[in-house]
Amino acid sequence: MRLRVEFTTEPFDLDEAPAHALVAREVIEAAELDAVDVGPFGNTAEGGADEVLTAVDTLLRRALASGATRISLQVNVLGEGDA
């Protein structure tokens, strides 16, 4: 099974990326995922279910420990035409 995760961390800071946002980006870029797209207002990554779920677990734990007060995420199962 393939999954797509989309997430944002808060609070936002338009002048400088907060520590929790940098940690979240680091986790996603280091994970064994493909189709990674990171940006200032949202991040998306795709990969196998085990890889995505492991990355989400690490992302939640590390971003919260780094000061995130809210993490919004959505996980979708990809069909054959979505990959």
N, C-alpha and C. Protein backbone atom coordinates (compact mmCIF):
# COMPACT_ATOMS: atom_id res chain seq x y z
N MET A 1 0.83 -1.18 0.00
CA MET A 1 0.00 0.00 0.00
C MET A 1 0.88 1.25 0.00
N ARG A 2 0.47 2.22 -0.79
CA ARG A 2 1.18 3.51 -0.84
C ARG A 2 0.31 4.57 -0.19
N LEU A 3 0.98 5.49 0.52
CA LEU A 3 0.28 6.56 1.22
C LEU A 3 0.87 7.91 0.82
N ARG A 4 0.02 8.93 0.94
CA ARG A 4 0.48 10.32 0.79
C ARG A 4 0.15 11.03 2.10
N VAL A 5 1.12 11.72 2.66
CA VAL A 5 0.90 12.52 3.87
C VAL A 5 1.09 13.99 3.52
N GLU A 6 0.18 14.81 4.02
CA GLU A 6 0.28 16.26 3.90
C GLU A 6 0.21 16.81 5.31
N PHE A 7 1.09 17.75 5.64
CA PHE A 7 1.10 18.27 7.00
C PHE A 7 1.60 19.71 7.08
N THR A 8 1.19 20.37 8.15
CA THR A 8 1.72 21.68 8.52
C THR A 8 1.95 21.68 10.03
N THR A 9 2.89 22.49 10.45
CA THR A 9 3.14 22.66 11.88
C THR A 9 2.92 24.12 12.24
N GLU A 10 2.50 24.35 13.45
CA GLU A 10 2.24 25.71 13.93
C GLU A 10 2.88 25.88 15.30
N PRO A 11 3.17 27.08 15.72
CA PRO A 11 2.76 28.36 15.15
C PRO A 11 3.63 28.75 13.95
N PHE A 12 3.03 29.55 13.08
CA PHE A 12 3.73 30.06 11.90
C PHE A 12 4.61 31.25 12.28
N ASP A 13 5.66 31.42 11.55
CA ASP A 13 6.49 32.62 11.65
C ASP A 13 6.95 32.93 10.24
N LEU A 14 6.43 34.00 9.67
CA LEU A 14 6.74 34.32 8.29
C LEU A 14 8.13 34.91 8.10
N ASP A 15 8.74 35.38 9.18
CA ASP A 15 10.07 35.98 9.07
C ASP A 15 11.18 34.94 9.13
N GLU A 16 11.01 33.93 9.94
CA GLU A 16 12.04 32.91 10.11
C GLU A 16 11.38 31.58 10.45
N ALA A 17 11.82 30.52 9.79
CA ALA A 17 11.25 29.20 10.04
C ALA A 17 11.51 28.78 11.48
N PRO A 18 10.44 28.44 12.23
CA PRO A 18 10.63 28.02 13.62
C PRO A 18 11.30 26.65 13.70
N ALA A 19 11.85 26.35 14.87
CA ALA A 19 12.56 25.08 15.06
C ALA A 19 11.71 23.88 14.71
N HIS A 20 10.44 23.89 15.09
CA HIS A 20 9.58 22.74 14.81
C HIS A 20 9.39 22.52 13.32
N ALA A 21 9.35 23.59 12.55
CA ALA A 21 9.20 23.46 11.10
C ALA A 21 10.48 22.89 10.48
N LEU A 22 11.62 23.33 10.97
CA LEU A 22 12.89 22.81 10.46
C LEU A 22 13.05 21.33 10.80
N VAL A 23 12.66 20.94 12.01
CA VAL A 23 12.73 19.54 12.42
C VAL A 23 11.80 18.69 11.56
N ALA A 24 10.59 19.16 11.32
CA ALA A 24 9.64 18.42 10.49
C ALA A 24 10.19 18.21 9.09
N ARG A 25 10.77 19.24 8.53
CA ARG A 25 11.37 19.14 7.19
C ARG A 25 12.52 18.13 7.20
N GLU A 26 13.34 18.19 8.23
CA GLU A 26 14.48 17.27 8.35
C GLU A 26 14.00 15.82 8.42
N VAL A 27 12.98 15.56 9.20
CA VAL A 27 12.44 14.20 9.33
C VAL A 27 11.94 13.68 8.00
N ILE A 28 11.17 14.48 7.29
CA ILE A 28 10.59 14.04 6.01
C ILE A 28 11.67 13.85 4.96
N GLU A 29 12.63 14.75 4.90
CA GLU A 29 13.69 14.62 3.90
C GLU A 29 14.61 13.45 4.19
N ALA A 30 14.77 13.06 5.45
CA ALA A 30 15.64 11.94 5.82
C ALA A 30 14.94 10.58 5.69
N ALA A 31 13.62 10.59 5.68
CA ALA A 31 12.87 9.34 5.59
C ALA A 31 13.01 8.73 4.20
N GLU A 32 12.76 7.45 4.12
CA GLU A 32 12.84 6.75 2.84
C GLU A 32 11.53 6.90 2.08
N LEU A 33 11.24 8.14 1.69
CA LEU A 33 10.02 8.47 0.98
C LEU A 33 10.37 9.03 -0.39
N ASP A 34 9.37 9.07 -1.26
CA ASP A 34 9.60 9.69 -2.56
C ASP A 34 8.55 10.78 -2.78
N ALA A 35 8.70 11.55 -3.79
CA ALA A 35 7.79 12.65 -4.12
C ALA A 35 7.65 13.61 -2.94
N VAL A 36 8.75 13.93 -2.29
CA VAL A 36 8.74 14.86 -1.16
C VAL A 36 8.69 16.29 -1.68
N ASP A 37 7.76 17.09 -1.13
CA ASP A 37 7.63 18.49 -1.50
C ASP A 37 7.45 19.28 -0.20
N VAL A 38 8.45 20.07 0.17
CA VAL A 38 8.36 20.88 1.38
C VAL A 38 8.22 22.34 1.00
N GLY A 39 7.42 23.05 1.77
CA GLY A 39 7.20 24.47 1.49
C GLY A 39 6.83 25.20 2.76
N PRO A 40 6.69 26.52 2.67
CA PRO A 40 6.43 27.31 3.87
C PRO A 40 5.04 27.11 4.46
N PHE A 41 4.08 26.67 3.67
CA PHE A 41 2.70 26.56 4.16
C PHE A 41 2.16 25.14 4.13
N GLY A 42 2.96 24.18 3.72
CA GLY A 42 2.51 22.80 3.69
C GLY A 42 3.57 21.91 3.11
N ASN A 43 3.49 20.65 3.46
CA ASN A 43 4.48 19.68 3.04
C ASN A 43 3.76 18.41 2.63
N THR A 44 4.29 17.74 1.61
CA THR A 44 3.68 16.52 1.10
C THR A 44 4.78 15.50 0.84
N ALA A 45 4.47 14.25 1.12
CA ALA A 45 5.39 13.17 0.80
C ALA A 45 4.58 11.91 0.53
N GLU A 46 5.16 11.04 -0.30
CA GLU A 46 4.53 9.77 -0.63
C GLU A 46 5.52 8.65 -0.43
N GLY A 47 4.98 7.48 -0.16
CA GLY A 47 5.84 6.31 -0.02
C GLY A 47 5.04 5.11 0.44
N GLY A 48 5.75 4.03 0.71
CA GLY A 48 5.12 2.83 1.23
C GLY A 48 4.52 3.11 2.59
N ALA A 49 3.50 2.32 2.95
CA ALA A 49 2.78 2.55 4.21
C ALA A 49 3.71 2.53 5.42
N ASP A 50 4.58 1.54 5.51
CA ASP A 50 5.48 1.45 6.67
C ASP A 50 6.38 2.67 6.76
N GLU A 51 6.91 3.10 5.64
CA GLU A 51 7.82 4.25 5.63
C GLU A 51 7.09 5.54 6.01
N VAL A 52 5.90 5.74 5.46
CA VAL A 52 5.14 6.95 5.76
C VAL A 52 4.73 6.97 7.23
N LEU A 53 4.22 5.84 7.73
CA LEU A 53 3.76 5.80 9.13
C LEU A 53 4.92 5.98 10.11
N THR A 54 6.06 5.42 9.79
CA THR A 54 7.24 5.61 10.64
C THR A 54 7.66 7.08 10.63
N ALA A 55 7.66 7.70 9.45
CA ALA A 55 8.03 9.11 9.34
C ALA A 55 7.03 9.99 10.09
N VAL A 56 5.74 9.69 10.01
CA VAL A 56 4.73 10.47 10.71
C VAL A 56 4.92 10.37 12.22
N ASP A 57 5.19 9.18 12.72
CA ASP A 57 5.44 9.00 14.15
C ASP A 57 6.63 9.86 14.60
N THR A 58 7.71 9.79 13.87
CA THR A 58 8.91 10.56 14.21
C THR A 58 8.63 12.06 14.09
N LEU A 59 7.95 12.44 13.03
CA LEU A 59 7.60 13.84 12.80
C LEU A 59 6.79 14.40 13.97
N LEU A 60 5.75 13.69 14.38
CA LEU A 60 4.92 14.17 15.48
C LEU A 60 5.73 14.34 16.76
N ARG A 61 6.49 13.33 17.10
CA ARG A 61 7.26 13.36 18.35
C ARG A 61 8.30 14.48 18.35
N ARG A 62 9.06 14.60 17.25
CA ARG A 62 10.15 15.57 17.22
C ARG A 62 9.63 17.00 17.07
N ALA A 63 8.59 17.20 16.26
CA ALA A 63 8.05 18.56 16.08
C ALA A 63 7.43 19.07 17.38
N LEU A 64 6.69 18.21 18.08
CA LEU A 64 6.12 18.62 19.37
C LEU A 64 7.21 18.94 20.38
N ALA A 65 8.25 18.13 20.41
CA ALA A 65 9.36 18.35 21.33
C ALA A 65 10.12 19.64 20.98
N SER A 66 9.99 20.09 19.73
CA SER A 66 10.69 21.30 19.28
C SER A 66 9.82 22.55 19.31
N GLY A 67 8.64 22.45 19.94
CA GLY A 67 7.84 23.65 20.12
C GLY A 67 6.57 23.77 19.31
N ALA A 68 6.24 22.80 18.49
CA ALA A 68 4.98 22.88 17.75
C ALA A 68 3.82 22.83 18.74
N THR A 69 2.83 23.69 18.52
CA THR A 69 1.64 23.69 19.36
C THR A 69 0.45 23.07 18.64
N ARG A 70 0.62 22.87 17.34
CA ARG A 70 -0.43 22.23 16.53
C ARG A 70 0.22 21.63 15.30
N ILE A 71 -0.18 20.41 14.98
CA ILE A 71 0.27 19.76 13.75
C ILE A 71 -0.97 19.24 13.05
N SER A 72 -1.20 19.73 11.86
CA SER A 72 -2.34 19.27 11.07
C SER A 72 -1.81 18.32 10.01
N LEU A 73 -2.41 17.14 9.93
CA LEU A 73 -1.95 16.22 8.91
C LEU A 73 -3.09 15.42 8.34
N GLN A 74 -2.88 15.00 7.13
CA GLN A 74 -3.84 14.19 6.41
C GLN A 74 -3.07 13.07 5.74
N VAL A 75 -3.57 11.86 5.86
CA VAL A 75 -2.96 10.70 5.22
C VAL A 75 -3.97 10.09 4.28
N ASN A 76 -3.57 9.90 3.04
CA ASN A 76 -4.44 9.31 2.03
C ASN A 76 -3.82 8.03 1.46
N VAL A 77 -4.67 7.04 1.23
CA VAL A 77 -4.24 5.82 0.54
C VAL A 77 -4.28 6.14 -0.95
N LEU A 78 -3.18 5.85 -1.63
CA LEU A 78 -3.10 6.13 -3.06
C LEU A 78 -3.59 4.93 -3.88
N GLY A 79 -4.36 5.22 -4.88
CA GLY A 79 -4.77 4.19 -5.81
C GLY A 79 -3.73 4.05 -6.90
N GLU A 80 -3.94 3.12 -7.79
CA GLU A 80 -2.95 2.87 -8.85
C GLU A 80 -2.72 4.09 -9.72
N GLY A 81 -3.74 4.89 -9.97
CA GLY A 81 -3.59 6.08 -10.81
C GLY A 81 -3.04 7.29 -10.10
N ASP A 82 -2.89 7.23 -8.77
CA ASP A 82 -2.42 8.36 -7.98
C ASP A 82 -0.92 8.44 -7.82
N ALA A 83 -0.22 7.36 -8.10
CA ALA A 83 1.22 7.30 -7.83
C ALA A 83 2.00 8.22 -8.72
